[in-house]
Amino acid sequence: SSPHGKSLAYDEIIVSRGKKVPFVPT
């Protein structure tokens, strides 16, 4: 959830070069 936008859901975190990114397929 964010004051900038709508809520999103995710089930996986992708680790790319040591940094985490929530995997939101849409």
mmCIF file of all heavy atoms, coordinates in Angstrom:
data_MODEL
# 
_entry.id   MODEL 
# 
loop_
_atom_site.group_PDB 
_atom_site.id 
_atom_site.type_symbol 
_atom_site.label_atom_id 
_atom_site.label_alt_id 
_atom_site.label_comp_id 
_atom_site.label_asym_id 
_atom_site.label_entity_id 
_atom_site.label_seq_id 
_atom_site.pdbx_PDB_ins_code 
_atom_site.Cartn_x 
_atom_site.Cartn_y 
_atom_site.Cartn_z 
_atom_site.occupancy 
_atom_site.B_iso_or_equiv 
_atom_site.pdbx_formal_charge 
_atom_site.auth_seq_id 
_atom_site.auth_comp_id 
_atom_site.auth_asym_id 
_atom_site.auth_atom_id 
_atom_site.pdbx_PDB_model_num 
ATOM 1   N N   . SER A 1 1  ? 0.856  -1.172  0.000   1.00 0.00 ? 1  SER A N   1 
ATOM 2   C CA  . SER A 1 1  ? 0.000  0.000   0.000   1.00 0.00 ? 1  SER A CA  1 
ATOM 3   C C   . SER A 1 1  ? 0.893  1.223   0.000   1.00 0.00 ? 1  SER A C   1 
ATOM 4   O O   . SER A 1 1  ? 1.972  1.218   0.562   1.00 0.00 ? 1  SER A O   1 
ATOM 5   C CB  . SER A 1 1  ? -0.925 0.009   1.218   1.00 0.00 ? 1  SER A CB  1 
ATOM 6   O OG  . SER A 1 1  ? -0.178 0.030   2.412   1.00 0.00 ? 1  SER A OG  1 
ATOM 7   N N   . SER A 1 2  ? 0.431  2.288   -0.661  1.00 0.00 ? 2  SER A N   1 
ATOM 8   C CA  . SER A 1 2  ? 1.259  3.469   -0.823  1.00 0.00 ? 2  SER A CA  1 
ATOM 9   C C   . SER A 1 2  ? 0.391  4.696   -0.918  1.00 0.00 ? 2  SER A C   1 
ATOM 10  O O   . SER A 1 2  ? -0.686 4.638   -1.514  1.00 0.00 ? 2  SER A O   1 
ATOM 11  C CB  . SER A 1 2  ? 2.107  3.341   -2.086  1.00 0.00 ? 2  SER A CB  1 
ATOM 12  O OG  . SER A 1 2  ? 2.647  4.586   -2.459  1.00 0.00 ? 2  SER A OG  1 
ATOM 13  N N   . PRO A 1 3  ? 0.811  5.808   -0.331  1.00 0.00 ? 3  PRO A N   1 
ATOM 14  C CA  . PRO A 1 3  ? 0.072  7.040   -0.524  1.00 0.00 ? 3  PRO A CA  1 
ATOM 15  C C   . PRO A 1 3  ? 0.077  7.486   -1.984  1.00 0.00 ? 3  PRO A C   1 
ATOM 16  O O   . PRO A 1 3  ? -0.736 8.301   -2.380  1.00 0.00 ? 3  PRO A O   1 
ATOM 17  C CB  . PRO A 1 3  ? 0.829  8.051   0.354   1.00 0.00 ? 3  PRO A CB  1 
ATOM 18  C CG  . PRO A 1 3  ? 2.204  7.480   0.511   1.00 0.00 ? 3  PRO A CG  1 
ATOM 19  C CD  . PRO A 1 3  ? 1.996  5.996   0.514   1.00 0.00 ? 3  PRO A CD  1 
ATOM 20  N N   . HIS A 1 4  ? 0.985  6.916   -2.795  1.00 0.00 ? 4  HIS A N   1 
ATOM 21  C CA  . HIS A 1 4  ? 1.070  7.313   -4.196  1.00 0.00 ? 4  HIS A CA  1 
ATOM 22  C C   . HIS A 1 4  ? 0.189  6.480   -5.108  1.00 0.00 ? 4  HIS A C   1 
ATOM 23  O O   . HIS A 1 4  ? -0.028 6.844   -6.263  1.00 0.00 ? 4  HIS A O   1 
ATOM 24  C CB  . HIS A 1 4  ? 2.518  7.181   -4.688  1.00 0.00 ? 4  HIS A CB  1 
ATOM 25  C CG  . HIS A 1 4  ? 3.404  8.267   -4.194  1.00 0.00 ? 4  HIS A CG  1 
ATOM 26  N ND1 . HIS A 1 4  ? 4.452  8.034   -3.326  1.00 0.00 ? 4  HIS A ND1 1 
ATOM 27  C CD2 . HIS A 1 4  ? 3.399  9.590   -4.421  1.00 0.00 ? 4  HIS A CD2 1 
ATOM 28  C CE1 . HIS A 1 4  ? 5.057  9.180   -3.069  1.00 0.00 ? 4  HIS A CE1 1 
ATOM 29  N NE2 . HIS A 1 4  ? 4.448  10.134  -3.714  1.00 0.00 ? 4  HIS A NE2 1 
ATOM 30  N N   . GLY A 1 5  ? -0.267 5.317   -4.679  1.00 0.00 ? 5  GLY A N   1 
ATOM 31  C CA  . GLY A 1 5  ? -1.001 4.466   -5.604  1.00 0.00 ? 5  GLY A CA  1 
ATOM 32  C C   . GLY A 1 5  ? -1.816 3.407   -4.901  1.00 0.00 ? 5  GLY A C   1 
ATOM 33  O O   . GLY A 1 5  ? -1.847 3.311   -3.685  1.00 0.00 ? 5  GLY A O   1 
ATOM 34  N N   . LYS A 1 6  ? -2.483 2.552   -5.693  1.00 0.00 ? 6  LYS A N   1 
ATOM 35  C CA  . LYS A 1 6  ? -3.360 1.529   -5.134  1.00 0.00 ? 6  LYS A CA  1 
ATOM 36  C C   . LYS A 1 6  ? -2.547 0.384   -4.537  1.00 0.00 ? 6  LYS A C   1 
ATOM 37  O O   . LYS A 1 6  ? -1.358 0.232   -4.792  1.00 0.00 ? 6  LYS A O   1 
ATOM 38  C CB  . LYS A 1 6  ? -4.273 1.002   -6.230  1.00 0.00 ? 6  LYS A CB  1 
ATOM 39  C CG  . LYS A 1 6  ? -3.540 0.322   -7.371  1.00 0.00 ? 6  LYS A CG  1 
ATOM 40  C CD  . LYS A 1 6  ? -4.502 -0.088  -8.458  1.00 0.00 ? 6  LYS A CD  1 
ATOM 41  C CE  . LYS A 1 6  ? -3.755 -0.788  -9.604  1.00 0.00 ? 6  LYS A CE  1 
ATOM 42  N NZ  . LYS A 1 6  ? -4.675 -1.199  -10.679 1.00 0.00 ? 6  LYS A NZ  1 
ATOM 43  N N   . SER A 1 7  ? -3.226 -0.457  -3.745  1.00 0.00 ? 7  SER A N   1 
ATOM 44  C CA  . SER A 1 7  ? -2.569 -1.604  -3.133  1.00 0.00 ? 7  SER A CA  1 
ATOM 45  C C   . SER A 1 7  ? -2.331 -2.692  -4.174  1.00 0.00 ? 7  SER A C   1 
ATOM 46  O O   . SER A 1 7  ? -3.107 -2.873  -5.105  1.00 0.00 ? 7  SER A O   1 
ATOM 47  C CB  . SER A 1 7  ? -3.411 -2.157  -1.990  1.00 0.00 ? 7  SER A CB  1 
ATOM 48  O OG  . SER A 1 7  ? -3.553 -1.194  -0.973  1.00 0.00 ? 7  SER A OG  1 
ATOM 49  N N   . LEU A 1 8  ? -1.226 -3.405  -4.002  1.00 0.00 ? 8  LEU A N   1 
ATOM 50  C CA  . LEU A 1 8  ? -0.899 -4.523  -4.868  1.00 0.00 ? 8  LEU A CA  1 
ATOM 51  C C   . LEU A 1 8  ? -0.503 -5.712  -3.994  1.00 0.00 ? 8  LEU A C   1 
ATOM 52  O O   . LEU A 1 8  ? -0.057 -5.534  -2.864  1.00 0.00 ? 8  LEU A O   1 
ATOM 53  C CB  . LEU A 1 8  ? 0.267  -4.173  -5.801  1.00 0.00 ? 8  LEU A CB  1 
ATOM 54  C CG  . LEU A 1 8  ? 0.052  -3.042  -6.813  1.00 0.00 ? 8  LEU A CG  1 
ATOM 55  C CD1 . LEU A 1 8  ? 1.357  -2.757  -7.531  1.00 0.00 ? 8  LEU A CD1 1 
ATOM 56  C CD2 . LEU A 1 8  ? -1.015 -3.410  -7.815  1.00 0.00 ? 8  LEU A CD2 1 
ATOM 57  N N   . ALA A 1 9  ? -0.652 -6.898  -4.529  1.00 0.00 ? 9  ALA A N   1 
ATOM 58  C CA  . ALA A 1 9  ? -0.263 -8.098  -3.789  1.00 0.00 ? 9  ALA A CA  1 
ATOM 59  C C   . ALA A 1 9  ? 0.836  -8.825  -4.552  1.00 0.00 ? 9  ALA A C   1 
ATOM 60  O O   . ALA A 1 9  ? 0.894  -8.778  -5.779  1.00 0.00 ? 9  ALA A O   1 
ATOM 61  C CB  . ALA A 1 9  ? -1.456 -9.019  -3.593  1.00 0.00 ? 9  ALA A CB  1 
ATOM 62  N N   . TYR A 1 10 ? 1.716  -9.506  -3.801  1.00 0.00 ? 10 TYR A N   1 
ATOM 63  C CA  . TYR A 1 10 ? 2.754  -10.301 -4.454  1.00 0.00 ? 10 TYR A CA  1 
ATOM 64  C C   . TYR A 1 10 ? 3.070  -11.507 -3.592  1.00 0.00 ? 10 TYR A C   1 
ATOM 65  O O   . TYR A 1 10 ? 2.904  -11.498 -2.370  1.00 0.00 ? 10 TYR A O   1 
ATOM 66  C CB  . TYR A 1 10 ? 4.009  -9.468  -4.704  1.00 0.00 ? 10 TYR A CB  1 
ATOM 67  C CG  . TYR A 1 10 ? 4.738  -8.994  -3.462  1.00 0.00 ? 10 TYR A CG  1 
ATOM 68  C CD1 . TYR A 1 10 ? 5.841  -9.697  -2.962  1.00 0.00 ? 10 TYR A CD1 1 
ATOM 69  C CD2 . TYR A 1 10 ? 4.344  -7.840  -2.793  1.00 0.00 ? 10 TYR A CD2 1 
ATOM 70  C CE1 . TYR A 1 10 ? 6.521  -9.264  -1.845  1.00 0.00 ? 10 TYR A CE1 1 
ATOM 71  C CE2 . TYR A 1 10 ? 5.026  -7.394  -1.672  1.00 0.00 ? 10 TYR A CE2 1 
ATOM 72  C CZ  . TYR A 1 10 ? 6.107  -8.107  -1.198  1.00 0.00 ? 10 TYR A CZ  1 
ATOM 73  O OH  . TYR A 1 10 ? 6.775  -7.672  -0.079  1.00 0.00 ? 10 TYR A OH  1 
ATOM 74  N N   . ASP A 1 11 ? 3.501  -12.594 -4.240  1.00 0.00 ? 11 ASP A N   1 
ATOM 75  C CA  . ASP A 1 11 ? 3.797  -13.853 -3.562  1.00 0.00 ? 11 ASP A CA  1 
ATOM 76  C C   . ASP A 1 11 ? 5.281  -14.199 -3.560  1.00 0.00 ? 11 ASP A C   1 
ATOM 77  O O   . ASP A 1 11 ? 5.681  -15.160 -2.922  1.00 0.00 ? 11 ASP A O   1 
ATOM 78  C CB  . ASP A 1 11 ? 3.040  -15.004 -4.246  1.00 0.00 ? 11 ASP A CB  1 
ATOM 79  C CG  . ASP A 1 11 ? 1.539  -14.849 -4.135  1.00 0.00 ? 11 ASP A CG  1 
ATOM 80  O OD1 . ASP A 1 11 ? 1.028  -14.911 -3.009  1.00 0.00 ? 11 ASP A OD1 1 
ATOM 81  O OD2 . ASP A 1 11 ? 0.886  -14.635 -5.175  1.00 0.00 ? 11 ASP A OD2 1 
ATOM 82  N N   . GLU A 1 12 ? 6.091  -13.422 -4.287  1.00 0.00 ? 12 GLU A N   1 
ATOM 83  C CA  . GLU A 1 12 ? 7.498  -13.785 -4.454  1.00 0.00 ? 12 GLU A CA  1 
ATOM 84  C C   . GLU A 1 12 ? 8.354  -12.535 -4.454  1.00 0.00 ? 12 GLU A C   1 
ATOM 85  O O   . GLU A 1 12 ? 7.925  -11.462 -4.895  1.00 0.00 ? 12 GLU A O   1 
ATOM 86  C CB  . GLU A 1 12 ? 7.700  -14.544 -5.773  1.00 0.00 ? 12 GLU A CB  1 
ATOM 87  C CG  . GLU A 1 12 ? 9.135  -15.011 -6.014  1.00 0.00 ? 12 GLU A CG  1 
ATOM 88  C CD  . GLU A 1 12 ? 9.322  -15.624 -7.391  1.00 0.00 ? 12 GLU A CD  1 
ATOM 89  O OE1 . GLU A 1 12 ? 8.327  -15.783 -8.132  1.00 0.00 ? 12 GLU A OE1 1 
ATOM 90  O OE2 . GLU A 1 12 ? 10.497 -15.928 -7.732  1.00 0.00 ? 12 GLU A OE2 1 
ATOM 91  N N   . ILE A 1 13 ? 9.571  -12.686 -3.958  1.00 0.00 ? 13 ILE A N   1 
ATOM 92  C CA  . ILE A 1 13 ? 10.577 -11.626 -4.021  1.00 0.00 ? 13 ILE A CA  1 
ATOM 93  C C   . ILE A 1 13 ? 11.694 -12.109 -4.926  1.00 0.00 ? 13 ILE A C   1 
ATOM 94  O O   . ILE A 1 13 ? 12.233 -13.201 -4.746  1.00 0.00 ? 13 ILE A O   1 
ATOM 95  C CB  . ILE A 1 13 ? 11.136 -11.302 -2.627  1.00 0.00 ? 13 ILE A CB  1 
ATOM 96  C CG1 . ILE A 1 13 ? 10.048 -10.684 -1.745  1.00 0.00 ? 13 ILE A CG1 1 
ATOM 97  C CG2 . ILE A 1 13 ? 12.331 -10.350 -2.737  1.00 0.00 ? 13 ILE A CG2 1 
ATOM 98  C CD1 . ILE A 1 13 ? 10.473 -10.513 -0.300  1.00 0.00 ? 13 ILE A CD1 1 
ATOM 99  N N   . ILE A 1 14 ? 12.039 -11.304 -5.934  1.00 0.00 ? 14 ILE A N   1 
ATOM 100 C CA  . ILE A 1 14 ? 13.167 -11.607 -6.809  1.00 0.00 ? 14 ILE A CA  1 
ATOM 101 C C   . ILE A 1 14 ? 14.398 -10.881 -6.265  1.00 0.00 ? 14 ILE A C   1 
ATOM 102 O O   . ILE A 1 14 ? 14.340 -9.688  -5.970  1.00 0.00 ? 14 ILE A O   1 
ATOM 103 C CB  . ILE A 1 14 ? 12.888 -11.151 -8.254  1.00 0.00 ? 14 ILE A CB  1 
ATOM 104 C CG1 . ILE A 1 14 ? 11.707 -11.931 -8.833  1.00 0.00 ? 14 ILE A CG1 1 
ATOM 105 C CG2 . ILE A 1 14 ? 14.132 -11.336 -9.129  1.00 0.00 ? 14 ILE A CG2 1 
ATOM 106 C CD1 . ILE A 1 14 ? 11.293 -11.461 -10.222 1.00 0.00 ? 14 ILE A CD1 1 
ATOM 107 N N   . VAL A 1 15 ? 15.500 -11.596 -6.120  1.00 0.00 ? 15 VAL A N   1 
ATOM 108 C CA  . VAL A 1 15 ? 16.755 -10.992 -5.696  1.00 0.00 ? 15 VAL A CA  1 
ATOM 109 C C   . VAL A 1 15 ? 17.620 -10.807 -6.932  1.00 0.00 ? 15 VAL A C   1 
ATOM 110 O O   . VAL A 1 15 ? 17.984 -11.776 -7.606  1.00 0.00 ? 15 VAL A O   1 
ATOM 111 C CB  . VAL A 1 15 ? 17.481 -11.850 -4.646  1.00 0.00 ? 15 VAL A CB  1 
ATOM 112 C CG1 . VAL A 1 15 ? 18.805 -11.193 -4.254  1.00 0.00 ? 15 VAL A CG1 1 
ATOM 113 C CG2 . VAL A 1 15 ? 16.594 -12.047 -3.423  1.00 0.00 ? 15 VAL A CG2 1 
ATOM 114 N N   . SER A 1 16 ? 17.921 -9.553  -7.258  1.00 0.00 ? 16 SER A N   1 
ATOM 115 C CA  . SER A 1 16 ? 18.696 -9.225  -8.449  1.00 0.00 ? 16 SER A CA  1 
ATOM 116 C C   . SER A 1 16 ? 19.937 -8.451  -8.032  1.00 0.00 ? 16 SER A C   1 
ATOM 117 O O   . SER A 1 16 ? 19.845 -7.352  -7.479  1.00 0.00 ? 16 SER A O   1 
ATOM 118 C CB  . SER A 1 16 ? 17.844 -8.378  -9.408  1.00 0.00 ? 16 SER A CB  1 
ATOM 119 O OG  . SER A 1 16 ? 18.542 -8.087  -10.597 1.00 0.00 ? 16 SER A OG  1 
ATOM 120 N N   . ARG A 1 17 ? 21.092 -9.029  -8.267  1.00 0.00 ? 17 ARG A N   1 
ATOM 121 C CA  . ARG A 1 17 ? 22.380 -8.410  -7.884  1.00 0.00 ? 17 ARG A CA  1 
ATOM 122 C C   . ARG A 1 17 ? 22.363 -7.955  -6.425  1.00 0.00 ? 17 ARG A C   1 
ATOM 123 O O   . ARG A 1 17 ? 22.847 -6.893  -6.067  1.00 0.00 ? 17 ARG A O   1 
ATOM 124 C CB  . ARG A 1 17 ? 22.695 -7.242  -8.806  1.00 0.00 ? 17 ARG A CB  1 
ATOM 125 C CG  . ARG A 1 17 ? 23.016 -7.652  -10.244 1.00 0.00 ? 17 ARG A CG  1 
ATOM 126 C CD  . ARG A 1 17 ? 23.248 -6.438  -11.137 1.00 0.00 ? 17 ARG A CD  1 
ATOM 127 N NE  . ARG A 1 17 ? 24.283 -5.568  -10.629 1.00 0.00 ? 17 ARG A NE  1 
ATOM 128 C CZ  . ARG A 1 17 ? 25.580 -5.706  -10.835 1.00 0.00 ? 17 ARG A CZ  1 
ATOM 129 N NH1 . ARG A 1 17 ? 26.014 -6.724  -11.558 1.00 0.00 ? 17 ARG A NH1 1 
ATOM 130 N NH2 . ARG A 1 17 ? 26.451 -4.850  -10.333 1.00 0.00 ? 17 ARG A NH2 1 
ATOM 131 N N   . GLY A 1 18 ? 21.776 -8.796  -5.577  1.00 0.00 ? 18 GLY A N   1 
ATOM 132 C CA  . GLY A 1 18 ? 21.788 -8.536  -4.144  1.00 0.00 ? 18 GLY A CA  1 
ATOM 133 C C   . GLY A 1 18 ? 20.657 -7.652  -3.634  1.00 0.00 ? 18 GLY A C   1 
ATOM 134 O O   . GLY A 1 18 ? 20.535 -7.455  -2.420  1.00 0.00 ? 18 GLY A O   1 
ATOM 135 N N   . LYS A 1 19 ? 19.809 -7.137  -4.528  1.00 0.00 ? 19 LYS A N   1 
ATOM 136 C CA  . LYS A 1 19 ? 18.701 -6.285  -4.115  1.00 0.00 ? 19 LYS A CA  1 
ATOM 137 C C   . LYS A 1 19 ? 17.368 -7.008  -4.335  1.00 0.00 ? 19 LYS A C   1 
ATOM 138 O O   . LYS A 1 19 ? 17.201 -7.750  -5.301  1.00 0.00 ? 19 LYS A O   1 
ATOM 139 C CB  . LYS A 1 19 ? 18.714 -4.965  -4.888  1.00 0.00 ? 19 LYS A CB  1 
ATOM 140 C CG  . LYS A 1 19 ? 19.944 -4.106  -4.621  1.00 0.00 ? 19 LYS A CG  1 
ATOM 141 C CD  . LYS A 1 19 ? 20.050 -3.698  -3.150  1.00 0.00 ? 19 LYS A CD  1 
ATOM 142 C CE  . LYS A 1 19 ? 21.269 -2.832  -2.892  1.00 0.00 ? 19 LYS A CE  1 
ATOM 143 N NZ  . LYS A 1 19 ? 21.415 -2.478  -1.454  1.00 0.00 ? 19 LYS A NZ  1 
ATOM 144 N N   . LYS A 1 20 ? 16.424 -6.758  -3.434  1.00 0.00 ? 20 LYS A N   1 
ATOM 145 C CA  . LYS A 1 20 ? 15.134 -7.436  -3.461  1.00 0.00 ? 20 LYS A CA  1 
ATOM 146 C C   . LYS A 1 20 ? 14.094 -6.589  -4.189  1.00 0.00 ? 20 LYS A C   1 
ATOM 147 O O   . LYS A 1 20 ? 14.016 -5.380  -3.967  1.00 0.00 ? 20 LYS A O   1 
ATOM 148 C CB  . LYS A 1 20 ? 14.655 -7.713  -2.036  1.00 0.00 ? 20 LYS A CB  1 
ATOM 149 C CG  . LYS A 1 20 ? 15.605 -8.564  -1.212  1.00 0.00 ? 20 LYS A CG  1 
ATOM 150 C CD  . LYS A 1 20 ? 15.130 -8.678  0.228   1.00 0.00 ? 20 LYS A CD  1 
ATOM 151 C CE  . LYS A 1 20 ? 16.106 -9.480  1.087   1.00 0.00 ? 20 LYS A CE  1 
ATOM 152 N NZ  . LYS A 1 20 ? 15.663 -9.537  2.509   1.00 0.00 ? 20 LYS A NZ  1 
ATOM 153 N N   . VAL A 1 21 ? 13.305 -7.263  -5.034  1.00 0.00 ? 21 VAL A N   1 
ATOM 154 C CA  . VAL A 1 21 ? 12.225 -6.601  -5.761  1.00 0.00 ? 21 VAL A CA  1 
ATOM 155 C C   . VAL A 1 21 ? 10.974 -7.467  -5.653  1.00 0.00 ? 21 VAL A C   1 
ATOM 156 O O   . VAL A 1 21 ? 11.027 -8.668  -5.922  1.00 0.00 ? 21 VAL A O   1 
ATOM 157 C CB  . VAL A 1 21 ? 12.584 -6.406  -7.251  1.00 0.00 ? 21 VAL A CB  1 
ATOM 158 C CG1 . VAL A 1 21 ? 11.431 -5.747  -8.005  1.00 0.00 ? 21 VAL A CG1 1 
ATOM 159 C CG2 . VAL A 1 21 ? 13.853 -5.577  -7.392  1.00 0.00 ? 21 VAL A CG2 1 
ATOM 160 N N   . PRO A 1 22 ? 9.836  -6.904  -5.251  1.00 0.00 ? 22 PRO A N   1 
ATOM 161 C CA  . PRO A 1 22 ? 8.606  -7.703  -5.192  1.00 0.00 ? 22 PRO A CA  1 
ATOM 162 C C   . PRO A 1 22 ? 8.163  -8.086  -6.603  1.00 0.00 ? 22 PRO A C   1 
ATOM 163 O O   . PRO A 1 22 ? 8.100  -7.223  -7.494  1.00 0.00 ? 22 PRO A O   1 
ATOM 164 C CB  . PRO A 1 22 ? 7.602  -6.757  -4.526  1.00 0.00 ? 22 PRO A CB  1 
ATOM 165 C CG  . PRO A 1 22 ? 8.128  -5.382  -4.796  1.00 0.00 ? 22 PRO A CG  1 
ATOM 166 C CD  . PRO A 1 22 ? 9.616  -5.511  -4.817  1.00 0.00 ? 22 PRO A CD  1 
ATOM 167 N N   . PHE A 1 23 ? 7.878  -9.349  -6.804  1.00 0.00 ? 23 PHE A N   1 
ATOM 168 C CA  . PHE A 1 23 ? 7.478  -9.824  -8.131  1.00 0.00 ? 23 PHE A CA  1 
ATOM 169 C C   . PHE A 1 23 ? 5.972  -9.665  -8.295  1.00 0.00 ? 23 PHE A C   1 
ATOM 170 O O   . PHE A 1 23 ? 5.177  -10.429 -7.755  1.00 0.00 ? 23 PHE A O   1 
ATOM 171 C CB  . PHE A 1 23 ? 7.889  -11.278 -8.323  1.00 0.00 ? 23 PHE A CB  1 
ATOM 172 C CG  . PHE A 1 23 ? 7.462  -11.849 -9.657  1.00 0.00 ? 23 PHE A CG  1 
ATOM 173 C CD1 . PHE A 1 23 ? 7.634  -11.109 -10.820 1.00 0.00 ? 23 PHE A CD1 1 
ATOM 174 C CD2 . PHE A 1 23 ? 6.896  -13.102 -9.745  1.00 0.00 ? 23 PHE A CD2 1 
ATOM 175 C CE1 . PHE A 1 23 ? 7.247  -11.617 -12.051 1.00 0.00 ? 23 PHE A CE1 1 
ATOM 176 C CE2 . PHE A 1 23 ? 6.508  -13.625 -10.972 1.00 0.00 ? 23 PHE A CE2 1 
ATOM 177 C CZ  . PHE A 1 23 ? 6.680  -12.877 -12.127 1.00 0.00 ? 23 PHE A CZ  1 
ATOM 178 N N   . VAL A 1 24 ? 5.593  -8.632  -9.051  1.00 0.00 ? 24 VAL A N   1 
ATOM 179 C CA  . VAL A 1 24 ? 4.190  -8.364  -9.371  1.00 0.00 ? 24 VAL A CA  1 
ATOM 180 C C   . VAL A 1 24 ? 4.037  -8.605  -10.864 1.00 0.00 ? 24 VAL A C   1 
ATOM 181 O O   . VAL A 1 24 ? 4.430  -7.751  -11.677 1.00 0.00 ? 24 VAL A O   1 
ATOM 182 C CB  . VAL A 1 24 ? 3.796  -6.924  -9.006  1.00 0.00 ? 24 VAL A CB  1 
ATOM 183 C CG1 . VAL A 1 24 ? 2.335  -6.670  -9.321  1.00 0.00 ? 24 VAL A CG1 1 
ATOM 184 C CG2 . VAL A 1 24 ? 4.092  -6.640  -7.535  1.00 0.00 ? 24 VAL A CG2 1 
ATOM 185 N N   . PRO A 1 25 ? 3.505  -9.769  -11.285 1.00 0.00 ? 25 PRO A N   1 
ATOM 186 C CA  . PRO A 1 25 ? 3.495  -10.124 -12.714 1.00 0.00 ? 25 PRO A CA  1 
ATOM 187 C C   . PRO A 1 25 ? 2.782  -9.130  -13.608 1.00 0.00 ? 25 PRO A C   1 
ATOM 188 O O   . PRO A 1 25 ? 3.131  -9.002  -14.789 1.00 0.00 ? 25 PRO A O   1 
ATOM 189 C CB  . PRO A 1 25 ? 2.784  -11.487 -12.726 1.00 0.00 ? 25 PRO A CB  1 
ATOM 190 C CG  . PRO A 1 25 ? 3.008  -12.044 -11.357 1.00 0.00 ? 25 PRO A CG  1 
ATOM 191 C CD  . PRO A 1 25 ? 2.984  -10.856 -10.442 1.00 0.00 ? 25 PRO A CD  1 
ATOM 192 N N   . THR A 1 26 ? 1.795  -8.413  -13.089 1.00 0.00 ? 26 THR A N   1 
ATOM 193 C CA  . THR A 1 26 ? 1.096  -7.446  -13.929 1.00 0.00 ? 26 THR A CA  1 
ATOM 194 C C   . THR A 1 26 ? 1.986  -6.255  -14.286 1.00 0.00 ? 26 THR A C   1 
ATOM 195 O O   . THR A 1 26 ? 1.714  -5.529  -15.242 1.00 0.00 ? 26 THR A O   1 
ATOM 196 C CB  . THR A 1 26 ? -0.172 -6.933  -13.229 1.00 0.00 ? 26 THR A CB  1 
ATOM 197 O OG1 . THR A 1 26 ? 0.185  -6.415  -11.935 1.00 0.00 ? 26 THR A OG1 1 
ATOM 198 C CG2 . THR A 1 26 ? -1.175 -8.061  -13.061 1.00 0.00 ? 26 THR A CG2 1 
# 
